[in-house]
Amino acid sequence: PTLKAQFEQKLKDDPAFAKDSNARLSFFYQRSPWYTTQEVGAYPVL
């Protein structure tokens, strides 16, 4: 439910996001293990 509330709040606060169907779906995909396991943005130097 917290994630659902965050999504609904972003729809209210961000008109560009609200109009972008791909961004709306990416909101959930980027919070799923199918995305996070890709390690997008993980800096390779330790």
All heavy atoms as atom14 arrays in JSON, in Angstrom:
{
  "sequence": "PTLKAQFEQKLKDDPAFAKDSNARLSFFYQRSPWYTTQEVGAYPVL",
  "atom14_mask": [
    [1, 1, 1, 1, 1, 1, 1, 0, 0, 0, 0, 0, 0, 0],
    [1, 1, 1, 1, 1, 1, 1, 0, 0, 0, 0, 0, 0, 0],
    [1, 1, 1, 1, 1, 1, 1, 1, 0, 0, 0, 0, 0, 0],
    [1, 1, 1, 1, 1, 1, 1, 1, 1, 0, 0, 0, 0, 0],
    [1, 1, 1, 1, 1, 0, 0, 0, 0, 0, 0, 0, 0, 0],
    [1, 1, 1, 1, 1, 1, 1, 1, 1, 0, 0, 0, 0, 0],
    [1, 1, 1, 1, 1, 1, 1, 1, 1, 1, 1, 0, 0, 0],
    [1, 1, 1, 1, 1, 1, 1, 1, 1, 0, 0, 0, 0, 0],
    [1, 1, 1, 1, 1, 1, 1, 1, 1, 0, 0, 0, 0, 0],
    [1, 1, 1, 1, 1, 1, 1, 1, 1, 0, 0, 0, 0, 0],
    [1, 1, 1, 1, 1, 1, 1, 1, 0, 0, 0, 0, 0, 0],
    [1, 1, 1, 1, 1, 1, 1, 1, 1, 0, 0, 0, 0, 0],
    [1, 1, 1, 1, 1, 1, 1, 1, 0, 0, 0, 0, 0, 0],
    [1, 1, 1, 1, 1, 1, 1, 1, 0, 0, 0, 0, 0, 0],
    [1, 1, 1, 1, 1, 1, 1, 0, 0, 0, 0, 0, 0, 0],
    [1, 1, 1, 1, 1, 0, 0, 0, 0, 0, 0, 0, 0, 0],
    [1, 1, 1, 1, 1, 1, 1, 1, 1, 1, 1, 0, 0, 0],
    [1, 1, 1, 1, 1, 0, 0, 0, 0, 0, 0, 0, 0, 0],
    [1, 1, 1, 1, 1, 1, 1, 1, 1, 0, 0, 0, 0, 0],
    [1, 1, 1, 1, 1, 1, 1, 1, 0, 0, 0, 0, 0, 0],
    [1, 1, 1, 1, 1, 1, 0, 0, 0, 0, 0, 0, 0, 0],
    [1, 1, 1, 1, 1, 1, 1, 1, 0, 0, 0, 0, 0, 0],
    [1, 1, 1, 1, 1, 0, 0, 0, 0, 0, 0, 0, 0, 0],
    [1, 1, 1, 1, 1, 1, 1, 1, 1, 1, 1, 0, 0, 0],
    [1, 1, 1, 1, 1, 1, 1, 1, 0, 0, 0, 0, 0, 0],
    [1, 1, 1, 1, 1, 1, 0, 0, 0, 0, 0, 0, 0, 0],
    [1, 1, 1, 1, 1, 1, 1, 1, 1, 1, 1, 0, 0, 0],
    [1, 1, 1, 1, 1, 1, 1, 1, 1, 1, 1, 0, 0, 0],
    [1, 1, 1, 1, 1, 1, 1, 1, 1, 1, 1, 1, 0, 0],
    [1, 1, 1, 1, 1, 1, 1, 1, 1, 0, 0, 0, 0, 0],
    [1, 1, 1, 1, 1, 1, 1, 1, 1, 1, 1, 0, 0, 0],
    [1, 1, 1, 1, 1, 1, 0, 0, 0, 0, 0, 0, 0, 0],
    [1, 1, 1, 1, 1, 1, 1, 0, 0, 0, 0, 0, 0, 0],
    [1, 1, 1, 1, 1, 1, 1, 1, 1, 1, 1, 1, 1, 1],
    [1, 1, 1, 1, 1, 1, 1, 1, 1, 1, 1, 1, 0, 0],
    [1, 1, 1, 1, 1, 1, 1, 0, 0, 0, 0, 0, 0, 0],
    [1, 1, 1, 1, 1, 1, 1, 0, 0, 0, 0, 0, 0, 0],
    [1, 1, 1, 1, 1, 1, 1, 1, 1, 0, 0, 0, 0, 0],
    [1, 1, 1, 1, 1, 1, 1, 1, 1, 0, 0, 0, 0, 0],
    [1, 1, 1, 1, 1, 1, 1, 0, 0, 0, 0, 0, 0, 0],
    [1, 1, 1, 1, 0, 0, 0, 0, 0, 0, 0, 0, 0, 0],
    [1, 1, 1, 1, 1, 0, 0, 0, 0, 0, 0, 0, 0, 0],
    [1, 1, 1, 1, 1, 1, 1, 1, 1, 1, 1, 1, 0, 0],
    [1, 1, 1, 1, 1, 1, 1, 0, 0, 0, 0, 0, 0, 0],
    [1, 1, 1, 1, 1, 1, 1, 0, 0, 0, 0, 0, 0, 0],
    [1, 1, 1, 1, 1, 1, 1, 1, 0, 0, 0, 0, 0, 0]
  ],
  "atom14_positions": [
    [[0.82, -1.23, 0.0], [0.0, 0.0, 0.0], [0.85, 1.28, 0.0], [0.44, 2.29, -0.56], [-0.82, -0.12, 1.28], [-0.83, -1.59, 1.61], [0.47, -2.13, 1.12], [0.0, 0.0, 0.0], [0.0, 0.0, 0.0], [0.0, 0.0, 0.0], [0.0, 0.0, 0.0], [0.0, 0.0, 0.0], [0.0, 0.0, 0.0], [0.0, 0.0, 0.0]],
    [[2.01, 1.22, 0.62], [2.89, 2.41, 0.65], [3.35, 2.76, -0.76], [3.38, 3.94, -1.16], [4.11, 2.17, 1.56], [3.64, 1.87, 2.88], [5.0, 3.39, 1.6], [0.0, 0.0, 0.0], [0.0, 0.0, 0.0], [0.0, 0.0, 0.0], [0.0, 0.0, 0.0], [0.0, 0.0, 0.0], [0.0, 0.0, 0.0], [0.0, 0.0, 0.0]],
    [[3.73, 1.75, -1.52], [4.16, 1.97, -2.9], [3.01, 2.54, -3.71], [3.2, 3.45, -4.53], [4.64, 0.65, -3.51], [5.11, 0.72, -4.96], [6.36, 1.6, -5.08], [5.37, -0.68, -5.51], [0.0, 0.0, 0.0], [0.0, 0.0, 0.0], [0.0, 0.0, 0.0], [0.0, 0.0, 0.0], [0.0, 0.0, 0.0], [0.0, 0.0, 0.0]],
    [[1.79, 2.02, -3.48], [0.61, 2.53, -4.2], [0.39, 4.01, -3.89], [0.13, 4.81, -4.8], [-0.62, 1.71, -3.79], [-1.92, 2.1, -4.51], [-3.04, 1.13, -4.1], [-4.32, 1.41, -4.88], [-4.88, 2.75, -4.54], [0.0, 0.0, 0.0], [0.0, 0.0, 0.0], [0.0, 0.0, 0.0], [0.0, 0.0, 0.0], [0.0, 0.0, 0.0]],
    [[0.57, 4.38, -2.63], [0.4, 5.78, -2.24], [1.48, 6.67, -2.87], [1.19, 7.8, -3.29], [0.44, 5.9, -0.72], [0.0, 0.0, 0.0], [0.0, 0.0, 0.0], [0.0, 0.0, 0.0], [0.0, 0.0, 0.0], [0.0, 0.0, 0.0], [0.0, 0.0, 0.0], [0.0, 0.0, 0.0], [0.0, 0.0, 0.0], [0.0, 0.0, 0.0]],
    [[2.69, 6.17, -2.96], [3.78, 6.94, -3.59], [3.48, 7.18, -5.08], [3.73, 8.27, -5.6], [5.11, 6.2, -3.43], [5.63, 6.16, -2.0], [6.86, 5.28, -1.87], [7.21, 4.51, -2.79], [7.52, 5.35, -0.72], [0.0, 0.0, 0.0], [0.0, 0.0, 0.0], [0.0, 0.0, 0.0], [0.0, 0.0, 0.0], [0.0, 0.0, 0.0]],
    [[2.96, 6.15, -5.73], [2.62, 6.28, -7.15], [1.53, 7.32, -7.34], [1.63, 8.21, -8.22], [2.18, 4.92, -7.68], [1.69, 4.94, -9.1], [2.55, 5.23, -10.14], [0.35, 4.67, -9.38], [2.09, 5.25, -11.46], [-0.11, 4.68, -10.69], [0.77, 4.97, -11.73], [0.0, 0.0, 0.0], [0.0, 0.0, 0.0], [0.0, 0.0, 0.0]],
    [[0.5, 7.26, -6.54], [-0.61, 8.19, -6.68], [-0.18, 9.62, -6.37], [-0.63, 10.57, -7.01], [-1.76, 7.76, -5.76], [-2.41, 6.45, -6.23], [-3.4, 5.89, -5.22], [-3.39, 6.38, -4.06], [-4.15, 4.96, -5.58], [0.0, 0.0, 0.0], [0.0, 0.0, 0.0], [0.0, 0.0, 0.0], [0.0, 0.0, 0.0], [0.0, 0.0, 0.0]],
    [[0.73, 9.79, -5.41], [1.23, 11.13, -5.07], [2.05, 11.7, -6.23], [1.97, 12.88, -6.54], [2.07, 11.07, -3.8], [2.47, 12.44, -3.26], [1.25, 13.24, -2.82], [0.34, 12.73, -2.15], [1.21, 14.51, -3.22], [0.0, 0.0, 0.0], [0.0, 0.0, 0.0], [0.0, 0.0, 0.0], [0.0, 0.0, 0.0], [0.0, 0.0, 0.0]],
    [[2.85, 10.82, -6.86], [3.68, 11.28, -7.98], [2.81, 11.7, -9.16], [3.14, 12.66, -9.87], [4.67, 10.19, -8.39], [5.73, 10.66, -9.41], [6.84, 9.66, -9.56], [7.89, 10.14, -10.56], [8.57, 11.39, -10.11], [0.0, 0.0, 0.0], [0.0, 0.0, 0.0], [0.0, 0.0, 0.0], [0.0, 0.0, 0.0], [0.0, 0.0, 0.0]],
    [[1.7, 11.02, -9.35], [0.77, 11.42, -10.41], [0.25, 12.83, -10.17], [0.05, 13.6, -11.12], [-0.4, 10.44, -10.48], [-0.09, 9.02, -10.98], [-1.33, 8.14, -10.87], [0.41, 9.05, -12.42], [0.0, 0.0, 0.0], [0.0, 0.0, 0.0], [0.0, 0.0, 0.0], [0.0, 0.0, 0.0], [0.0, 0.0, 0.0], [0.0, 0.0, 0.0]],
    [[0.02, 13.19, -8.91], [-0.48, 14.52, -8.57], [0.62, 15.58, -8.7], [0.37, 16.7, -9.15], [-1.03, 14.52, -7.15], [-2.25, 13.65, -6.95], [-2.69, 13.65, -5.49], [-3.88, 12.73, -5.26], [-4.26, 12.69, -3.81], [0.0, 0.0, 0.0], [0.0, 0.0, 0.0], [0.0, 0.0, 0.0], [0.0, 0.0, 0.0], [0.0, 0.0, 0.0]],
    [[1.86, 15.2, -8.29], [2.93, 16.19, -8.18], [3.69, 16.43, -9.49], [4.33, 17.47, -9.65], [3.94, 15.76, -7.11], [3.33, 15.71, -5.73], [2.27, 16.33, -5.53], [3.92, 15.06, -4.83], [0.0, 0.0, 0.0], [0.0, 0.0, 0.0], [0.0, 0.0, 0.0], [0.0, 0.0, 0.0], [0.0, 0.0, 0.0], [0.0, 0.0, 0.0]],
    [[3.64, 15.47, -10.4], [4.5, 15.53, -11.58], [3.64, 15.37, -12.84], [3.38, 14.26, -13.31], [5.54, 14.42, -11.5], [6.61, 14.53, -12.58], [6.37, 15.22, -13.59], [7.69, 13.91, -12.42], [0.0, 0.0, 0.0], [0.0, 0.0, 0.0], [0.0, 0.0, 0.0], [0.0, 0.0, 0.0], [0.0, 0.0, 0.0], [0.0, 0.0, 0.0]],
    [[3.16, 16.47, -13.43], [2.27, 16.38, -14.61], [2.93, 15.65, -15.79], [2.24, 14.91, -16.51], [2.01, 17.85, -14.96], [2.26, 18.6, -13.69], [3.34, 17.86, -12.98], [0.0, 0.0, 0.0], [0.0, 0.0, 0.0], [0.0, 0.0, 0.0], [0.0, 0.0, 0.0], [0.0, 0.0, 0.0], [0.0, 0.0, 0.0], [0.0, 0.0, 0.0]],
    [[4.24, 15.86, -15.98], [4.92, 15.18, -17.1], [4.91, 13.67, -16.89], [4.69, 12.9, -17.84], [6.35, 15.69, -17.23], [0.0, 0.0, 0.0], [0.0, 0.0, 0.0], [0.0, 0.0, 0.0], [0.0, 0.0, 0.0], [0.0, 0.0, 0.0], [0.0, 0.0, 0.0], [0.0, 0.0, 0.0], [0.0, 0.0, 0.0], [0.0, 0.0, 0.0]],
    [[5.13, 13.26, -15.67], [5.08, 11.84, -15.34], [3.68, 11.29, -15.57], [3.51, 10.2, -16.15], [5.51, 11.65, -13.89], [5.35, 10.25, -13.37], [6.28, 9.27, -13.67], [4.26, 9.91, -12.58], [6.14, 7.96, -13.19], [4.11, 8.61, -12.09], [5.04, 7.64, -12.4], [0.0, 0.0, 0.0], [0.0, 0.0, 0.0], [0.0, 0.0, 0.0]],
    [[2.7, 12.04, -15.16], [1.33, 11.57, -15.28], [0.92, 11.36, -16.73], [0.09, 10.49, -17.04], [0.38, 12.57, -14.6], [0.0, 0.0, 0.0], [0.0, 0.0, 0.0], [0.0, 0.0, 0.0], [0.0, 0.0, 0.0], [0.0, 0.0, 0.0], [0.0, 0.0, 0.0], [0.0, 0.0, 0.0], [0.0, 0.0, 0.0], [0.0, 0.0, 0.0]],
    [[1.51, 12.14, -17.65], [1.15, 12.04, -19.07], [1.96, 10.98, -19.81], [1.68, 10.72, -20.98], [1.37, 13.4, -19.74], [0.45, 14.49, -19.26], [0.77, 15.82, -19.95], [-0.14, 16.94, -19.44], [0.21, 18.23, -20.09], [0.0, 0.0, 0.0], [0.0, 0.0, 0.0], [0.0, 0.0, 0.0], [0.0, 0.0, 0.0], [0.0, 0.0, 0.0]],
    [[2.96, 10.4, -19.15], [3.9, 9.49, -19.82], [3.59, 8.05, -19.42], [3.92, 7.61, -18.31], [5.34, 9.87, -19.44], [6.38, 9.12, -20.25], [6.07, 8.01, -20.74], [7.52, 9.62, -20.35], [0.0, 0.0, 0.0], [0.0, 0.0, 0.0], [0.0, 0.0, 0.0], [0.0, 0.0, 0.0], [0.0, 0.0, 0.0], [0.0, 0.0, 0.0]],
    [[2.96, 7.31, -20.3], [2.55, 5.94, -19.96], [3.75, 5.05, -19.69], [3.71, 4.19, -18.79], [1.7, 5.35, -21.09], [2.44, 5.33, -22.3], [0.0, 0.0, 0.0], [0.0, 0.0, 0.0], [0.0, 0.0, 0.0], [0.0, 0.0, 0.0], [0.0, 0.0, 0.0], [0.0, 0.0, 0.0], [0.0, 0.0, 0.0], [0.0, 0.0, 0.0]],
    [[4.85, 5.24, -20.45], [6.04, 4.43, -20.22], [6.67, 4.73, -18.86], [7.12, 3.82, -18.15], [7.07, 4.68, -21.32], [6.65, 4.08, -22.65], [5.98, 3.05, -22.68], [7.03, 4.72, -23.74], [0.0, 0.0, 0.0], [0.0, 0.0, 0.0], [0.0, 0.0, 0.0], [0.0, 0.0, 0.0], [0.0, 0.0, 0.0], [0.0, 0.0, 0.0]],
    [[6.7, 6.0, -18.48], [7.25, 6.37, -17.18], [6.41, 5.78, -16.05], [6.95, 5.34, -15.02], [7.33, 7.88, -17.06], [0.0, 0.0, 0.0], [0.0, 0.0, 0.0], [0.0, 0.0, 0.0], [0.0, 0.0, 0.0], [0.0, 0.0, 0.0], [0.0, 0.0, 0.0], [0.0, 0.0, 0.0], [0.0, 0.0, 0.0], [0.0, 0.0, 0.0]],
    [[5.12, 5.75, -16.24], [4.24, 5.21, -15.19], [4.5, 3.72, -14.98], [4.56, 3.24, -13.85], [2.78, 5.48, -15.56], [2.44, 6.95, -15.48], [1.1, 7.28, -16.08], [-0.03, 6.77, -15.31], [-1.2, 7.4, -15.2], [-1.38, 8.58, -15.8], [-2.17, 6.86, -14.5], [0.0, 0.0, 0.0], [0.0, 0.0, 0.0], [0.0, 0.0, 0.0]],
    [[4.7, 2.99, -16.08], [5.0, 1.56, -15.94], [6.42, 1.35, -15.41], [6.66, 0.43, -14.61], [4.83, 0.87, -17.28], [3.39, 0.76, -17.8], [3.39, 0.17, -19.22], [2.53, -0.09, -16.86], [0.0, 0.0, 0.0], [0.0, 0.0, 0.0], [0.0, 0.0, 0.0], [0.0, 0.0, 0.0], [0.0, 0.0, 0.0], [0.0, 0.0, 0.0]],
    [[7.37, 2.22, -15.84], [8.75, 2.09, -15.37], [8.86, 2.33, -13.88], [9.77, 1.81, -13.21], [9.65, 3.07, -16.12], [9.75, 2.72, -17.48], [0.0, 0.0, 0.0], [0.0, 0.0, 0.0], [0.0, 0.0, 0.0], [0.0, 0.0, 0.0], [0.0, 0.0, 0.0], [0.0, 0.0, 0.0], [0.0, 0.0, 0.0], [0.0, 0.0, 0.0]],
    [[7.96, 3.13, -13.32], [7.95, 3.37, -11.88], [7.93, 2.04, -11.13], [8.63, 1.88, -10.11], [6.72, 4.21, -11.53], [6.55, 4.49, -10.06], [7.11, 5.62, -9.49], [5.83, 3.62, -9.26], [6.95, 5.87, -8.13], [5.66, 3.86, -7.9], [6.23, 5.0, -7.33], [0.0, 0.0, 0.0], [0.0, 0.0, 0.0], [0.0, 0.0, 0.0]],
    [[7.18, 1.1, -11.6], [7.07, -0.2, -10.92], [8.21, -1.13, -11.34], [8.81, -1.81, -10.49], [5.7, -0.82, -11.21], [4.58, 0.01, -10.69], [3.89, 0.88, -11.52], [4.22, -0.05, -9.34], [2.87, 1.67, -11.04], [3.18, 0.73, -8.85], [2.51, 1.6, -9.7], [0.0, 0.0, 0.0], [0.0, 0.0, 0.0], [0.0, 0.0, 0.0]],
    [[8.52, -1.16, -12.62], [9.58, -2.05, -13.1], [10.91, -1.76, -12.42], [11.64, -2.67, -12.02], [9.7, -1.91, -14.62], [10.75, -2.82, -15.24], [10.66, -4.21, -15.12], [11.82, -2.28, -15.94], [11.61, -5.04, -15.69], [12.78, -3.11, -16.53], [12.68, -4.48, -16.39], [13.62, -5.31, -16.96], [0.0, 0.0, 0.0], [0.0, 0.0, 0.0]],
    [[11.21, -0.45, -12.24], [12.5, -0.09, -11.65], [12.58, -0.38, -10.15], [13.64, -0.29, -9.56], [12.8, 1.39, -11.92], [13.1, 1.66, -13.39], [13.28, 3.13, -13.69], [13.19, 3.99, -12.8], [13.52, 3.46, -14.96], [0.0, 0.0, 0.0], [0.0, 0.0, 0.0], [0.0, 0.0, 0.0], [0.0, 0.0, 0.0], [0.0, 0.0, 0.0]],
    [[11.46, -0.74, -9.56], [11.45, -1.11, -8.15], [11.29, -2.62, -7.98], [11.1, -3.1, -6.86], [10.32, -0.37, -7.42], [10.61, 1.11, -7.25], [9.35, 1.92, -6.97], [9.66, 3.33, -6.68], [9.97, 4.24, -7.6], [9.98, 3.88, -8.88], [10.24, 5.48, -7.25], [0.0, 0.0, 0.0], [0.0, 0.0, 0.0], [0.0, 0.0, 0.0]],
    [[11.41, -3.32, -9.08], [11.23, -4.78, -9.04], [12.58, -5.48, -9.16], [13.56, -4.9, -9.64], [10.33, -5.22, -10.2], [11.07, -5.19, -11.43], [0.0, 0.0, 0.0], [0.0, 0.0, 0.0], [0.0, 0.0, 0.0], [0.0, 0.0, 0.0], [0.0, 0.0, 0.0], [0.0, 0.0, 0.0], [0.0, 0.0, 0.0], [0.0, 0.0, 0.0]],
    [[12.69, -6.73, -8.74], [13.97, -7.45, -8.87], [14.4, -7.66, -10.31], [15.58, -7.87, -10.58], [13.69, -8.78, -8.16], [12.2, -8.92, -8.12], [11.66, -7.53, -8.04], [0.0, 0.0, 0.0], [0.0, 0.0, 0.0], [0.0, 0.0, 0.0], [0.0, 0.0, 0.0], [0.0, 0.0, 0.0], [0.0, 0.0, 0.0], [0.0, 0.0, 0.0]],
    [[13.45, -7.59, -11.27], [13.82, -7.76, -12.68], [14.71, -6.61, -13.16], [15.48, -6.76, -14.09], [12.57, -7.86, -13.56], [11.91, -9.21, -13.45], [12.23, -10.34, -14.15], [10.85, -9.56, -12.57], [11.42, -11.38, -13.77], [10.55, -10.93, -12.79], [10.1, -8.88, -11.61], [9.57, -11.62, -12.11], [9.12, -9.55, -10.93], [8.87, -10.92, -11.17]],
    [[14.55, -5.46, -12.51], [15.38, -4.31, -12.87], [16.62, -4.21, -11.98], [17.73, -4.0, -12.47], [14.57, -3.02, -12.78], [15.34, -1.77, -13.15], [15.45, -1.37, -14.47], [15.96, -0.98, -12.17], [16.17, -0.22, -14.82], [16.67, 0.15, -12.5], [16.78, 0.54, -13.83], [17.48, 1.66, -14.16], [0.0, 0.0, 0.0], [0.0, 0.0, 0.0]],
    [[16.43, -4.34, -10.67], [17.54, -4.09, -9.75], [18.68, -5.09, -9.93], [19.84, -4.75, -9.68], [17.04, -4.12, -8.29], [16.4, -5.37, -8.03], [16.06, -2.97, -8.04], [0.0, 0.0, 0.0], [0.0, 0.0, 0.0], [0.0, 0.0, 0.0], [0.0, 0.0, 0.0], [0.0, 0.0, 0.0], [0.0, 0.0, 0.0], [0.0, 0.0, 0.0]],
    [[18.38, -6.29, -10.39], [19.47, -7.26, -10.61], [20.35, -6.87, -11.8], [21.45, -7.4, -11.94], [18.9, -8.67, -10.84], [17.95, -8.64, -11.9], [18.26, -9.21, -9.58], [0.0, 0.0, 0.0], [0.0, 0.0, 0.0], [0.0, 0.0, 0.0], [0.0, 0.0, 0.0], [0.0, 0.0, 0.0], [0.0, 0.0, 0.0], [0.0, 0.0, 0.0]],
    [[19.88, -5.95, -12.64], [20.72, -5.47, -13.75], [21.81, -4.51, -13.27], [22.75, -4.22, -14.0], [19.86, -4.76, -14.8], [18.86, -5.67, -15.5], [18.15, -4.95, -16.63], [18.79, -4.33, -17.48], [16.82, -5.05, -16.65], [0.0, 0.0, 0.0], [0.0, 0.0, 0.0], [0.0, 0.0, 0.0], [0.0, 0.0, 0.0], [0.0, 0.0, 0.0]],
    [[21.65, -4.0, -12.06], [22.64, -3.1, -11.44], [22.92, -1.88, -12.32], [24.07, -1.46, -12.49], [23.94, -3.85, -11.13], [23.75, -4.96, -10.11], [25.06, -5.56, -9.64], [26.0, -5.63, -10.45], [25.14, -5.94, -8.47], [0.0, 0.0, 0.0], [0.0, 0.0, 0.0], [0.0, 0.0, 0.0], [0.0, 0.0, 0.0], [0.0, 0.0, 0.0]],
    [[21.87, -1.31, -12.89], [22.03, -0.09, -13.67], [22.54, 1.02, -12.76], [21.96, 1.29, -11.7], [20.7, 0.32, -14.33], [20.85, 1.65, -15.07], [20.23, -0.77, -15.28], [0.0, 0.0, 0.0], [0.0, 0.0, 0.0], [0.0, 0.0, 0.0], [0.0, 0.0, 0.0], [0.0, 0.0, 0.0], [0.0, 0.0, 0.0], [0.0, 0.0, 0.0]],
    [[23.64, 1.65, -13.15], [24.21, 2.73, -12.35], [25.15, 2.28, -11.26], [25.64, 3.13, -10.49], [0.0, 0.0, 0.0], [0.0, 0.0, 0.0], [0.0, 0.0, 0.0], [0.0, 0.0, 0.0], [0.0, 0.0, 0.0], [0.0, 0.0, 0.0], [0.0, 0.0, 0.0], [0.0, 0.0, 0.0], [0.0, 0.0, 0.0], [0.0, 0.0, 0.0]],
    [[25.42, 0.99, -11.18], [26.36, 0.5, -10.16], [27.79, 0.82, -10.6], [28.25, 0.33, -11.64], [26.18, -1.0, -9.96], [0.0, 0.0, 0.0], [0.0, 0.0, 0.0], [0.0, 0.0, 0.0], [0.0, 0.0, 0.0], [0.0, 0.0, 0.0], [0.0, 0.0, 0.0], [0.0, 0.0, 0.0], [0.0, 0.0, 0.0], [0.0, 0.0, 0.0]],
    [[28.48, 1.64, -9.85], [29.84, 2.04, -10.21], [30.77, 0.86, -10.02], [30.8, 0.25, -8.95], [30.26, 3.22, -9.35], [31.55, 3.86, -9.77], [31.7, 4.42, -11.03], [32.63, 3.92, -8.89], [32.88, 5.02, -11.42], [33.82, 4.53, -9.27], [33.94, 5.07, -10.53], [35.12, 5.66, -10.92], [0.0, 0.0, 0.0], [0.0, 0.0, 0.0]],
    [[31.55, 0.48, -11.02], [32.29, -0.78, -10.96], [33.55, -0.75, -10.1], [34.07, -1.81, -9.75], [32.66, -1.05, -12.42], [32.71, 0.31, -13.05], [31.66, 1.11, -12.37], [0.0, 0.0, 0.0], [0.0, 0.0, 0.0], [0.0, 0.0, 0.0], [0.0, 0.0, 0.0], [0.0, 0.0, 0.0], [0.0, 0.0, 0.0], [0.0, 0.0, 0.0]],
    [[34.03, 0.45, -9.76], [35.27, 0.53, -8.97], [34.93, 0.42, -7.5], [34.02, 1.1, -7.0], [35.99, 1.86, -9.25], [37.25, 1.99, -8.39], [36.33, 1.98, -10.73], [0.0, 0.0, 0.0], [0.0, 0.0, 0.0], [0.0, 0.0, 0.0], [0.0, 0.0, 0.0], [0.0, 0.0, 0.0], [0.0, 0.0, 0.0], [0.0, 0.0, 0.0]],
    [[35.67, -0.42, -6.8], [35.43, -0.66, -5.38], [36.49, 0.05, -4.53], [37.63, 0.25, -4.97], [35.46, -2.14, -5.07], [34.49, -3.03, -5.87], [34.68, -4.49, -5.49], [33.05, -2.6, -5.65], [0.0, 0.0, 0.0], [0.0, 0.0, 0.0], [0.0, 0.0, 0.0], [0.0, 0.0, 0.0], [0.0, 0.0, 0.0], [0.0, 0.0, 0.0]]
  ]
}
